[in-house]
Every structure is written in structure tokens, then in C-alpha cells.
Amino acid sequence: MKEFSGKQTVQQYIDETPKWNDGTAVATTPLTVMQWRIWWLATAGKFFEGMVVFMTGVALPLMVLEFGLDAMGKGMVGAAPLFGILIGATLLGGLSDHYGRRGMFIAEMGLFLLFLVGVSVSNSFPVLLFCLFGMGMALGCDYPTAHLVISESIPSNFRGKLVLGAFGFQALGALAGTAAGYFILRGNESLSDWRWMYAMAILPALAVFLGRFFIPQSGHWLMVRDRVRDAENATMALLQRAPQYPKSVVLKHADEDSATKADKKPGFHKLFKKKHLRGTILASVPWFLQDLSTYGIGIFTPTILAATIGVGEGKSRHNLSAVIYDDMLAAKGAALIDILLIVGIFTAIFFVDKIGRIWLQVLGFIGCAFGLAVAALSSHFTGDTKLAMVFAGFMIFSFMTNAGPNAMTYLIAGEVFPTNIRGMGAGFAASFAKIGAVLTAFLFPIFLHEFGTSLLLFCLVIASLLGALVTWAYRIETAGVNLEHI
């Protein structure tokens, strides 16, 4: 293959289409084995998040029996991992700007593995909450870090599809966790079944933790740190292919890398300077509004369905066999709804570079509002009509959220900041969003008990419409844009 001569930036090497010796360009920029390895290892974090967070809804009834939890206790269980994500996204996710993407990519999975074991063997409610919080911290670090290791390793024209493809594993994890919870309940009627739901993820998490040691550092990050030789070696390791192209890497600084030393230094305050404030608002506020709905509906779908179906009521609610039976019915309904999350993410992957991030997010928010309104209006009906409206509303919501804001907010947050504050910016956005998730997870069961399903869902309708408005007002379209030019 004919090689380009002269210095290029990291992203130019990654984006470059190889040419044959006669000058004919290869049809596409082929991804290397290392690029695919990085992608698969990054998908695991999103899979585990979907699995353990959404599986909590299935595990919760058994935790209630074992620890004697009231509505506040249930809210604390739902909120603990989300509060951990809130803290971890900022405190740990931003560290990738200081210590590199690879180091934090490894550390977060080690931390997740440690606390996952702790949840599985916890013997008291305080220990359970602490381990759920610690597990959430690791997942919070993964929000920005997994995005960055993908987006800084792949061609610009593939970035949207592959980042969303990895994010889609959150939906697969949600479905897998709900399904696994169902089969564990079905196969072994025991109060400790909820422990096995978490324990089954230990060996896969260990394999991912070990695999992350075998990837290179981000060339983008190394260049910002003026480690040119290390960046050249890392870029060569990333672009190993047969036949080899490029045969050598000689890097030059991108425009953002050639800024003054003070400008290149990471700093949290820079997110709120005029230069970056628009991006900070776009990345964080719609995500906050989205998470109010995503986690409230996601975690408590089995609870809402159980209330709608009419199970779990009366004197049988503290009987283990009755609770497990009701839990299995609700888990099956939740799994059916979770399938629409997967359909939604495939829709997002198909359209993300065709119509752009902003339009998908705005239309998705409007669709979420419609689905939640349908579910809320079910309170005016009875019997099969009521049940059908709840299912239809939640299925519309699940599809539209992953086709739009649930996926786009994650994608946009990792694209609208320059390299030196990209981890911090994406981490702040994820952390700010999880304030909404924590509030919802903690208050949802309390408000559900006090005010009922309908009023709660109408509040989420308003939040979704606000999300569409803020997205349009602060829009920055990043589809296909070179990260070095953001």
C-alpha cells in the first residue's frame, strides 16, 4: 500500500484511508484488531451497568423481605448505585485527563469487580448500600472513560455508530439482568436468590478487567501532554494491520494541542468559561432531564407493572413464595419492555450520522413525553385497556428514549469538549445527570405510594418536553466532525 509522507495528527492517521500502490483508495478505513478489542472491552462497562442497575428492580422484593425495608429503604437501594455513579463520574472520570485513559479504564473495572463481590456477600443493609454505592462509583468512572477510549481510537466517520453501539449494550445488559433474575427465581425459591443475580457477573467482570491491560494509551491524550514519542508508539500499536498501514507514524500537534501550556492544563473551572459553557449546558442539562425518566421507569417498571396487574397486594405480600411468583410476573413484563430499548438503540445507530445527534435527541424527547402520557392516562381506564395502555406507553418510551435522548446525551457529552478537558466535561455531564437519577430512584417509591402512578408520570412528561427545548436552544451538531476540530 502507498503511504502518505509527512507529519499528521493522531486523528488524521486514524481517519486516513489507505491507498494501493497505483493510488487507488481503499473503499473504507478498515478497523484494526486493536480498535475492535478496545470497542468490545468498552461495551462491557455499559453492559454491566444495564445489568446490575436494572436488575435491582427484580432483586428488590427479596431485599425487602430479608432486610425488612419500607418505602424509604427501597428508595435507598435504588438510589445507592446511582449516587455512586454521580460521585464516580466527576471524581474518577475526570482523572483520565490527568492520568490517562488506559489507567482509569483498568482501575474502574477493578473497582467494579471488588464491590460486585461485596454486594453478593453482604450480610447487612448498611454493607449492601455501601457496596452498591462503590459499584456505582466504578460505573460512573466508566461513563466518560469508555466513551473516550472508543472515540479517541476510531475514525471520525465511524465514531457515532461505534460509541452508540457500545452504549447499546446497556440495553442488552438490562434485558440480560432482568431475564437472569427471572430464571434464578424460577429455578431456586430462596431468599438469597438476589445474591446470585449479582454474583453471576463476577467471572465476566474479571475477564474484562484482565483484558483491559492489553490496550495502548490514547495518542490524543499523549500529544496534549507533549509525549510525542509515546504517542507515535501508541498510534502504531493501535493501527497494526496486515498489510501494515501506515508503516511509520510521525506526529504533529493538532491546533488544540499547540495552545499555551496554561490552556492545555486540565481544570474543572474551564467547563464554565464562555468558550465551553454552551457545550457544558448541552451535555449536562438534557441528560439530567432524561435520567429523571430513564432510571425511574427502568428500575421501578416491575413495581409499576405489579401494581397495575394487581399482584403483590394484601396479606400475601410478605410470603416468600407469593413474592417470588409476583416478582417473576413483573420481571417477564419488564423484559418485554426492555426489548424496545434494544430496538431503539439500533434505530439510533442507523440514523445518528444521517440526521444528526440534535434532531434525534429532540424528536426522542418528544416521543418519550408521548409514551409517558399514554401510560399516565391509563389511570382513567380499567381492566385490559388499562394494562394495554401502560404496556404501550412504556414500550413507546423505551423505544424513543434509546433512539433519542438516552443514547444521544451520552454521545454528545464525549464530543463537545477539547481533549484536555474531555474526560472532565463528559464526567461532569454524567454526574449532573445522575443527580436526577438519584432523586428519582430515591423519591419514586415514596411518591408512588403517596401520589400514585399517574401524577408521577405526568411530571416526567414535562421533564421530557423541557429536555427537547434545552437541546434545541443550545444545539451543537457533532456528527462526523474530527475531534481535534471541535
Protein backbone atom coordinates (compact mmCIF):
# COMPACT_ATOMS: atom_id res chain seq x y z
CA MET A 1 0.00 0.00 0.00
CA LYS A 2 1.09 3.53 -0.77
CA GLU A 3 1.78 5.57 2.36
CA PHE A 4 1.25 9.27 2.92
CA SER A 5 4.54 11.08 3.52
CA GLY A 6 4.83 13.88 6.06
CA LYS A 7 3.64 14.60 9.56
CA GLN A 8 0.00 14.20 10.52
CA THR A 9 -2.07 14.49 13.68
CA VAL A 10 -3.24 11.43 15.60
CA GLN A 11 -6.78 11.71 14.25
CA GLN A 12 -5.54 12.21 10.69
CA TYR A 13 -3.67 8.91 10.91
CA ILE A 14 -6.73 7.20 12.37
CA ASP A 15 -9.05 8.71 9.74
CA GLU A 16 -6.70 8.10 6.81
CA THR A 17 -7.95 5.82 4.06
CA PRO A 18 -5.09 3.59 2.83
CA LYS A 19 -4.20 3.72 -0.87
CA TRP A 20 -2.94 0.91 -3.08
CA ASN A 21 0.37 1.37 -4.87
CA ASP A 22 -1.39 2.63 -8.00
CA GLY A 23 -3.01 5.42 -5.95
CA THR A 24 -6.46 3.83 -5.73
CA ALA A 25 -8.06 4.44 -2.31
CA VAL A 26 -9.34 1.52 -0.26
CA ALA A 27 -13.16 1.61 -0.16
CA THR A 28 -13.33 2.26 3.62
CA THR A 29 -10.97 2.80 6.51
CA PRO A 30 -10.71 -0.74 7.90
CA LEU A 31 -10.75 -1.05 11.68
CA THR A 32 -7.79 -2.90 13.16
CA VAL A 33 -7.87 -5.80 15.60
CA MET A 34 -6.81 -3.43 18.39
CA GLN A 35 -9.57 -0.96 17.58
CA TRP A 36 -12.15 -3.75 17.76
CA ARG A 37 -10.59 -5.03 21.02
CA ILE A 38 -10.92 -1.59 22.60
CA TRP A 39 -14.51 -1.37 21.45
CA TRP A 40 -15.50 -4.75 22.88
CA LEU A 41 -13.82 -4.04 26.21
CA ALA A 42 -15.60 -0.70 26.40
CA THR A 43 -19.00 -2.25 25.69
CA ALA A 44 -18.64 -4.41 28.79
CA GLY A 45 -18.91 -1.45 31.16
CA LYS A 46 -22.22 -0.37 29.66
CA PHE A 47 -23.47 -3.99 29.70
CA PHE A 48 -22.66 -4.36 33.40
CA GLU A 49 -24.31 -1.04 34.20
CA GLY A 50 -27.54 -2.06 32.49
CA MET A 51 -27.41 -5.47 34.13
CA VAL A 52 -26.83 -4.50 37.76
CA VAL A 53 -28.83 -1.24 37.85
CA PHE A 54 -31.96 -2.53 36.10
CA MET A 55 -31.72 -5.94 37.77
CA THR A 56 -32.19 -4.14 41.07
CA GLY A 57 -35.89 -3.89 40.23
CA VAL A 58 -36.10 -7.70 40.17
CA ALA A 59 -33.90 -8.18 43.24
CA LEU A 60 -35.66 -5.53 45.32
CA PRO A 61 -38.67 -7.54 46.56
CA LEU A 62 -36.33 -10.17 48.05
CA MET A 63 -34.15 -7.48 49.64
CA VAL A 64 -37.32 -6.00 51.17
CA LEU A 65 -38.11 -9.36 52.79
CA GLU A 66 -34.57 -10.05 54.00
CA PHE A 67 -33.88 -6.61 55.48
CA GLY A 68 -37.45 -5.53 56.30
CA LEU A 69 -37.35 -2.40 54.13
CA ASP A 70 -40.03 0.29 53.97
CA ALA A 71 -40.60 2.71 51.07
CA MET A 72 -37.59 4.81 52.10
CA GLY A 73 -35.39 1.72 52.34
CA LYS A 74 -36.42 0.66 48.85
CA GLY A 75 -35.59 4.13 47.60
CA MET A 76 -32.15 3.94 49.21
CA VAL A 77 -31.40 0.65 47.44
CA GLY A 78 -32.38 2.12 44.08
CA ALA A 79 -30.50 5.36 44.72
CA ALA A 80 -27.24 3.93 46.13
CA PRO A 81 -25.63 2.78 42.84
CA LEU A 82 -26.88 5.92 41.07
CA PHE A 83 -25.43 8.16 43.78
CA GLY A 84 -22.19 6.24 43.31
CA ILE A 85 -22.34 6.93 39.56
CA LEU A 86 -22.91 10.63 40.33
CA ILE A 87 -19.79 10.81 42.51
CA GLY A 88 -17.66 8.50 40.37
CA ALA A 89 -18.34 10.27 37.08
CA THR A 90 -16.83 13.51 38.39
CA LEU A 91 -14.23 12.38 40.93
CA LEU A 92 -12.92 9.39 38.96
CA GLY A 93 -13.96 10.08 35.36
CA GLY A 94 -12.12 13.40 35.31
CA LEU A 95 -8.91 11.67 36.41
CA SER A 96 -8.48 10.31 32.88
CA ASP A 97 -7.49 13.85 31.86
CA HIS A 98 -4.68 13.74 34.44
CA TYR A 99 -3.54 10.11 34.46
CA GLY A 100 -4.56 8.88 31.02
CA ARG A 101 -7.46 6.96 29.56
CA ARG A 102 -5.91 3.48 29.84
CA GLY A 103 -5.09 3.65 33.57
CA MET A 104 -8.58 4.70 34.57
CA PHE A 105 -10.11 2.21 32.13
CA ILE A 106 -8.37 -0.57 34.08
CA ALA A 107 -8.91 0.88 37.55
CA GLU A 108 -12.66 1.37 37.14
CA MET A 109 -13.23 -2.28 36.24
CA GLY A 110 -11.10 -3.44 39.17
CA LEU A 111 -13.18 -1.25 41.49
CA PHE A 112 -16.41 -2.58 39.98
CA LEU A 113 -15.28 -6.17 40.46
CA LEU A 114 -14.33 -5.57 44.11
CA PHE A 115 -17.70 -4.08 45.07
CA LEU A 116 -19.65 -6.56 42.96
CA VAL A 117 -18.24 -9.34 45.14
CA GLY A 118 -19.13 -7.22 48.19
CA VAL A 119 -22.78 -6.90 47.11
CA SER A 120 -23.02 -10.65 46.56
CA VAL A 121 -21.83 -11.50 50.09
CA SER A 122 -23.22 -8.52 52.02
CA ASN A 123 -24.84 -9.61 55.28
CA SER A 124 -26.41 -6.34 56.44
CA PHE A 125 -28.32 -3.45 54.93
CA PRO A 126 -25.55 -0.83 55.55
CA VAL A 127 -22.96 -3.09 53.92
CA LEU A 128 -25.26 -3.65 50.95
CA LEU A 129 -25.76 0.09 50.48
CA PHE A 130 -22.02 0.77 50.75
CA CYS A 131 -21.17 -1.87 48.15
CA LEU A 132 -23.93 -0.71 45.80
CA PHE A 133 -22.54 2.82 46.13
CA GLY A 134 -18.98 1.61 45.43
CA MET A 135 -20.14 -0.35 42.42
CA GLY A 136 -21.88 2.78 41.17
CA MET A 137 -18.67 4.82 41.57
CA ALA A 138 -16.88 2.44 39.23
CA LEU A 139 -19.70 2.63 36.69
CA GLY A 140 -19.65 6.42 37.00
CA CYS A 141 -15.99 6.47 36.02
CA ASP A 142 -16.86 4.30 33.04
CA TYR A 143 -19.30 6.87 31.62
CA PRO A 144 -16.63 9.26 30.33
CA THR A 145 -13.70 6.87 30.18
CA ALA A 146 -15.29 4.18 27.99
CA HIS A 147 -16.59 6.85 25.62
CA LEU A 148 -13.13 8.43 25.33
CA VAL A 149 -11.19 5.23 24.72
CA ILE A 150 -13.56 4.48 21.83
CA SER A 151 -13.91 7.97 20.33
CA GLU A 152 -10.16 8.67 20.52
CA SER A 153 -9.29 5.36 18.85
CA ILE A 154 -11.55 5.14 15.80
CA PRO A 155 -12.17 7.06 12.52
CA SER A 156 -14.43 10.12 12.78
CA ASN A 157 -16.99 8.74 10.32
CA PHE A 158 -17.48 5.61 12.49
CA ARG A 159 -17.46 7.37 15.85
CA GLY A 160 -21.20 7.91 16.27
CA LYS A 161 -22.13 4.37 15.29
CA LEU A 162 -19.49 2.65 17.43
CA VAL A 163 -19.99 4.79 20.53
CA LEU A 164 -23.74 4.20 20.31
CA GLY A 165 -23.14 0.52 19.58
CA ALA A 166 -21.22 0.26 22.84
CA PHE A 167 -23.88 2.26 24.66
CA GLY A 168 -26.49 -0.12 23.30
CA PHE A 169 -25.03 -2.84 25.46
CA GLN A 170 -26.64 -1.06 28.40
CA ALA A 171 -29.99 -2.16 26.96
CA LEU A 172 -28.68 -5.68 26.37
CA GLY A 173 -27.44 -5.71 29.95
CA ALA A 174 -30.83 -4.54 31.22
CA LEU A 175 -32.56 -7.34 29.31
CA ALA A 176 -29.96 -9.92 30.39
CA GLY A 177 -30.20 -8.87 34.03
CA THR A 178 -33.98 -8.99 34.06
CA ALA A 179 -34.03 -12.34 32.27
CA ALA A 180 -31.34 -13.81 34.54
CA GLY A 181 -33.28 -12.62 37.58
CA TYR A 182 -36.38 -14.37 36.26
CA PHE A 183 -34.63 -17.70 35.67
CA ILE A 184 -32.85 -17.61 39.03
CA LEU A 185 -36.19 -17.01 40.75
CA ARG A 186 -37.77 -19.77 38.71
CA GLY A 187 -35.07 -22.32 39.41
CA ASN A 188 -34.42 -21.80 43.10
CA GLU A 189 -37.03 -20.47 45.54
CA SER A 190 -34.72 -18.92 48.10
CA LEU A 191 -34.44 -15.60 49.90
CA SER A 192 -30.80 -15.38 48.78
CA ASP A 193 -31.69 -15.53 45.06
CA TRP A 194 -30.94 -11.82 44.73
CA ARG A 195 -27.30 -12.50 45.69
CA TRP A 196 -26.91 -14.96 42.83
CA MET A 197 -28.24 -12.33 40.43
CA TYR A 198 -25.23 -10.14 41.18
CA ALA A 199 -22.73 -12.97 41.65
CA MET A 200 -23.24 -14.29 38.11
CA ALA A 201 -21.47 -11.16 36.76
CA ILE A 202 -18.25 -11.73 38.73
CA LEU A 203 -16.39 -14.01 36.29
CA PRO A 204 -17.25 -11.94 33.17
CA ALA A 205 -16.13 -8.78 35.00
CA LEU A 206 -12.83 -10.46 35.90
CA ALA A 207 -12.21 -11.37 32.25
CA VAL A 208 -12.86 -7.78 31.14
CA PHE A 209 -10.61 -6.40 33.89
CA LEU A 210 -7.69 -8.55 32.70
CA GLY A 211 -8.36 -7.75 29.03
CA ARG A 212 -8.07 -4.01 29.61
CA PHE A 213 -4.37 -4.35 30.47
CA PHE A 214 -3.67 -5.18 26.81
CA ILE A 215 -4.59 -1.93 25.05
CA PRO A 216 -2.44 1.14 24.25
CA GLN A 217 -2.73 4.60 25.77
CA SER A 218 -4.69 7.28 23.90
CA GLY A 219 -2.48 9.02 21.34
CA HIS A 220 -4.64 12.15 21.64
CA TRP A 221 -4.02 12.37 25.38
CA LEU A 222 -0.28 11.73 24.99
CA MET A 223 0.05 14.52 22.43
CA VAL A 224 -1.71 17.00 24.71
CA ARG A 225 0.86 16.01 27.36
CA ASP A 226 3.66 16.65 24.80
CA ARG A 227 4.76 12.98 24.92
CA VAL A 228 5.24 12.79 21.17
CA ARG A 229 7.36 9.62 21.00
CA ASP A 230 4.95 7.73 23.29
CA ALA A 231 2.03 8.97 21.17
CA GLU A 232 3.69 7.71 17.98
CA ASN A 233 4.25 4.28 19.54
CA ALA A 234 0.68 4.14 20.84
CA THR A 235 -0.73 5.12 17.44
CA MET A 236 1.35 2.42 15.72
CA ALA A 237 0.09 -0.16 18.23
CA LEU A 238 -3.47 0.97 17.54
CA LEU A 239 -3.09 0.77 13.74
CA GLN A 240 -1.40 -2.63 13.41
CA ARG A 241 -2.94 -4.37 10.37
CA ALA A 242 -1.96 -6.69 7.51
CA PRO A 243 -0.62 -5.47 5.19
CA GLN A 244 0.75 -2.86 7.57
CA TYR A 245 -0.51 0.67 7.05
CA PRO A 246 0.93 3.09 7.95
CA LYS A 247 4.45 1.70 8.01
CA SER A 248 5.54 4.51 10.32
CA VAL A 249 3.91 7.29 12.32
CA VAL A 250 5.36 10.80 12.53
CA LEU A 251 3.04 13.05 14.50
CA LYS A 252 2.43 16.77 14.57
CA HIS A 253 0.33 18.69 17.06
CA ALA A 254 -3.28 19.44 16.28
CA ASP A 255 -4.40 23.03 16.69
CA GLU A 256 -5.82 22.29 20.13
CA ASP A 257 -2.52 20.68 21.19
CA SER A 258 -0.48 23.73 20.19
CA ALA A 259 -2.29 26.02 22.64
CA THR A 260 -0.38 27.57 25.52
CA LYS A 261 0.66 25.38 28.41
CA ALA A 262 -1.88 27.10 30.69
CA ASP A 263 -4.67 26.48 28.17
CA LYS A 264 -3.80 22.79 27.86
CA LYS A 265 -3.80 22.14 31.60
CA PRO A 266 -7.00 20.40 32.76
CA GLY A 267 -9.23 22.48 35.00
CA PHE A 268 -12.79 22.00 36.19
CA HIS A 269 -13.46 25.76 36.04
CA LYS A 270 -12.86 25.74 32.28
CA LEU A 271 -16.17 23.97 31.74
CA PHE A 272 -17.96 27.16 32.79
CA LYS A 273 -15.94 29.65 30.80
CA LYS A 274 -17.74 31.35 27.93
CA LYS A 275 -15.79 29.29 25.38
CA HIS A 276 -17.16 25.97 26.69
CA LEU A 277 -20.34 26.94 28.58
CA ARG A 278 -22.69 26.20 25.67
CA GLY A 279 -21.25 22.70 25.38
CA THR A 280 -21.46 22.17 29.15
CA ILE A 281 -25.17 23.10 29.20
CA LEU A 282 -25.95 20.95 26.15
CA ALA A 283 -24.08 17.97 27.59
CA SER A 284 -25.48 18.10 31.12
CA VAL A 285 -28.97 19.65 31.40
CA PRO A 286 -30.83 17.46 28.84
CA TRP A 287 -29.07 14.40 30.29
CA PHE A 288 -30.31 15.36 33.78
CA LEU A 289 -33.88 15.71 32.50
CA GLN A 290 -33.60 12.41 30.63
CA ASP A 291 -32.35 10.46 33.65
CA LEU A 292 -35.35 11.57 35.70
CA SER A 293 -37.41 9.29 33.46
CA THR A 294 -34.89 6.63 32.41
CA TYR A 295 -33.98 5.39 35.87
CA GLY A 296 -37.35 5.94 37.50
CA ILE A 297 -39.07 3.90 34.81
CA GLY A 298 -36.18 1.46 34.37
CA ILE A 299 -35.73 0.48 38.00
CA PHE A 300 -39.38 0.51 39.03
CA THR A 301 -41.03 -0.95 35.93
CA PRO A 302 -41.58 -4.29 37.76
CA THR A 303 -43.09 -2.38 40.71
CA ILE A 304 -45.41 -0.34 38.49
CA LEU A 305 -46.45 -3.40 36.50
CA ALA A 306 -47.09 -5.37 39.67
CA ALA A 307 -49.33 -2.57 40.93
CA THR A 308 -51.13 -2.35 37.58
CA ILE A 309 -51.59 -6.11 37.25
CA GLY A 310 -52.79 -6.19 40.84
CA VAL A 311 -50.30 -8.65 42.29
CA GLY A 312 -48.25 -8.14 45.38
CA GLU A 313 -51.22 -6.81 47.32
CA GLY A 314 -52.75 -7.80 50.59
CA LYS A 315 -51.64 -10.27 53.21
CA SER A 316 -49.61 -12.47 50.86
CA ARG A 317 -47.01 -9.77 50.16
CA HIS A 318 -44.67 -10.97 52.95
CA ASN A 319 -44.89 -14.63 51.95
CA LEU A 320 -41.72 -15.72 50.11
CA SER A 321 -43.47 -17.92 47.54
CA ALA A 322 -46.03 -15.22 46.74
CA VAL A 323 -43.39 -12.50 46.45
CA ILE A 324 -41.26 -14.63 44.11
CA TYR A 325 -44.29 -15.50 41.98
CA ASP A 326 -45.33 -11.85 41.69
CA ASP A 327 -41.72 -10.84 41.04
CA MET A 328 -41.49 -13.34 38.17
CA LEU A 329 -44.66 -11.97 36.54
CA ALA A 330 -43.36 -8.40 36.77
CA ALA A 331 -39.91 -9.45 35.52
CA LYS A 332 -41.43 -11.01 32.40
CA GLY A 333 -43.33 -7.81 31.69
CA ALA A 334 -40.22 -5.68 32.28
CA ALA A 335 -38.17 -7.91 29.96
CA LEU A 336 -40.73 -7.42 27.18
CA ILE A 337 -40.46 -3.66 27.59
CA ASP A 338 -36.64 -3.82 27.74
CA ILE A 339 -36.58 -5.35 24.24
CA LEU A 340 -37.75 -1.98 22.92
CA LEU A 341 -34.59 -0.41 24.39
CA ILE A 342 -32.57 -2.63 22.04
CA VAL A 343 -34.74 -1.78 19.03
CA GLY A 344 -34.34 1.89 19.93
CA ILE A 345 -30.55 1.80 20.04
CA PHE A 346 -30.38 0.07 16.65
CA THR A 347 -32.57 2.87 15.28
CA ALA A 348 -30.20 5.44 16.76
CA ILE A 349 -27.15 3.74 15.24
CA PHE A 350 -28.79 3.75 11.82
CA PHE A 351 -29.84 7.41 11.88
CA VAL A 352 -27.16 9.11 14.01
CA ASP A 353 -24.98 10.15 11.07
CA LYS A 354 -27.89 10.59 8.65
CA ILE A 355 -29.97 13.16 10.53
CA GLY A 356 -27.54 14.07 13.31
CA ARG A 357 -27.40 13.99 17.10
CA ILE A 358 -29.55 17.06 17.78
CA TRP A 359 -32.62 16.07 15.76
CA LEU A 360 -32.60 12.55 17.20
CA GLN A 361 -32.42 13.93 20.73
CA VAL A 362 -35.22 16.48 20.21
CA LEU A 363 -37.57 14.01 18.48
CA GLY A 364 -36.71 11.35 21.05
CA PHE A 365 -37.63 13.63 23.96
CA ILE A 366 -40.98 14.41 22.33
CA GLY A 367 -41.62 10.69 21.76
CA CYS A 368 -40.76 9.94 25.41
CA ALA A 369 -43.27 12.55 26.54
CA PHE A 370 -45.95 10.96 24.36
CA GLY A 371 -45.29 7.44 25.69
CA LEU A 372 -45.33 8.58 29.32
CA ALA A 373 -48.57 10.50 28.70
CA VAL A 374 -50.22 7.35 27.33
CA ALA A 375 -49.14 5.40 30.44
CA ALA A 376 -50.34 8.21 32.74
CA LEU A 377 -53.77 8.36 31.08
CA SER A 378 -54.26 4.65 31.77
CA SER A 379 -55.49 5.60 35.25
CA HIS A 380 -58.79 6.68 33.63
CA PHE A 381 -59.42 3.13 32.40
CA THR A 382 -59.80 -0.32 33.95
CA GLY A 383 -59.04 -3.94 33.17
CA ASP A 384 -57.34 -4.97 29.95
CA THR A 385 -57.50 -1.46 28.50
CA LYS A 386 -55.59 -0.04 31.45
CA LEU A 387 -52.95 -2.76 31.24
CA ALA A 388 -52.60 -2.34 27.48
CA MET A 389 -52.11 1.43 27.82
CA VAL A 390 -49.41 1.01 30.49
CA PHE A 391 -47.54 -1.51 28.35
CA ALA A 392 -47.96 0.59 25.19
CA GLY A 393 -46.83 3.77 26.93
CA PHE A 394 -43.75 2.17 28.48
CA MET A 395 -42.84 0.44 25.20
CA ILE A 396 -43.08 3.74 23.28
CA PHE A 397 -40.98 5.39 25.98
CA SER A 398 -38.35 2.63 25.92
CA PHE A 399 -38.04 2.81 22.14
CA MET A 400 -37.92 6.60 21.91
CA THR A 401 -35.51 7.07 24.81
CA ASN A 402 -32.84 4.83 23.28
CA ALA A 403 -33.49 6.08 19.76
CA GLY A 404 -33.07 9.60 21.09
CA PRO A 405 -32.00 11.23 24.36
CA ASN A 406 -30.74 8.27 26.39
CA ALA A 407 -28.25 7.47 23.64
CA MET A 408 -27.60 10.97 22.29
CA THR A 409 -26.87 12.62 25.64
CA TYR A 410 -24.14 10.03 26.26
CA LEU A 411 -22.70 10.52 22.78
CA ILE A 412 -22.79 14.32 22.76
CA ALA A 413 -21.16 14.63 26.20
CA GLY A 414 -17.99 12.97 24.93
CA GLU A 415 -17.79 15.05 21.75
CA VAL A 416 -18.34 18.73 22.59
CA PHE A 417 -15.17 19.28 24.67
CA PRO A 418 -11.48 19.52 23.62
CA THR A 419 -9.08 16.71 24.55
CA ASN A 420 -7.58 18.37 27.63
CA ILE A 421 -10.98 18.63 29.41
CA ARG A 422 -12.92 15.94 27.54
CA GLY A 423 -12.88 13.47 30.40
CA MET A 424 -13.78 16.13 32.94
CA GLY A 425 -16.56 17.54 30.75
CA ALA A 426 -18.10 14.16 29.99
CA GLY A 427 -17.71 13.19 33.65
CA PHE A 428 -19.43 16.34 34.88
CA ALA A 429 -22.30 15.84 32.44
CA ALA A 430 -22.79 12.24 33.59
CA SER A 431 -22.52 13.27 37.24
CA PHE A 432 -25.01 16.12 36.86
CA ALA A 433 -27.37 13.76 35.07
CA LYS A 434 -27.17 11.27 37.90
CA ILE A 435 -28.44 13.90 40.33
CA GLY A 436 -31.73 13.42 38.50
CA ALA A 437 -31.35 9.66 38.56
CA VAL A 438 -30.65 9.59 42.31
CA LEU A 439 -33.57 11.89 43.09
CA THR A 440 -35.88 9.74 41.01
CA ALA A 441 -34.64 6.42 42.38
CA PHE A 442 -34.93 7.60 45.98
CA LEU A 443 -38.19 9.54 45.71
CA PHE A 444 -40.01 7.39 43.12
CA PRO A 445 -41.24 4.66 45.50
CA ILE A 446 -42.19 7.30 48.10
CA PHE A 447 -44.09 9.47 45.60
CA LEU A 448 -45.58 6.37 44.01
CA HIS A 449 -47.01 5.43 47.39
CA GLU A 450 -48.17 8.97 48.28
CA PHE A 451 -49.42 10.38 44.95
CA GLY A 452 -49.93 7.40 42.65
CA THR A 453 -48.55 6.49 39.24
CA SER A 454 -50.47 8.96 37.07
CA LEU A 455 -49.27 12.23 38.66
CA LEU A 456 -45.69 10.96 38.75
CA LEU A 457 -45.74 10.11 35.06
CA PHE A 458 -47.19 13.50 34.09
CA CYS A 459 -44.28 15.19 35.90
CA LEU A 460 -41.90 13.13 33.75
CA VAL A 461 -43.82 14.23 30.63
CA ILE A 462 -43.00 17.85 31.49
CA ALA A 463 -39.32 16.94 32.09
CA SER A 464 -39.09 15.32 28.65
CA LEU A 465 -40.56 18.35 26.89
CA LEU A 466 -38.09 20.61 28.72
CA GLY A 467 -35.30 18.34 27.52
CA ALA A 468 -36.34 18.88 23.90
CA LEU A 469 -36.44 22.64 24.42
CA VAL A 470 -32.99 22.91 26.04
CA THR A 471 -31.43 20.65 23.40
CA TRP A 472 -32.66 22.85 20.58
CA ALA A 473 -31.75 26.11 22.33
CA TYR A 474 -28.10 25.06 22.95
CA ARG A 475 -27.59 22.78 19.96
CA ILE A 476 -24.09 21.89 18.71
CA GLU A 477 -24.07 19.27 15.94
CA THR A 478 -21.00 17.00 16.10
CA ALA A 479 -21.88 14.32 13.52
CA GLY A 480 -18.76 13.37 11.54
CA VAL A 481 -16.67 16.22 12.97
CA ASN A 482 -12.97 15.49 13.69
CA LEU A 483 -12.50 15.56 17.48
CA GLU A 484 -9.42 17.75 17.02
CA HIS A 485 -11.63 20.39 15.39
CA ILE A 486 -14.46 20.54 17.97
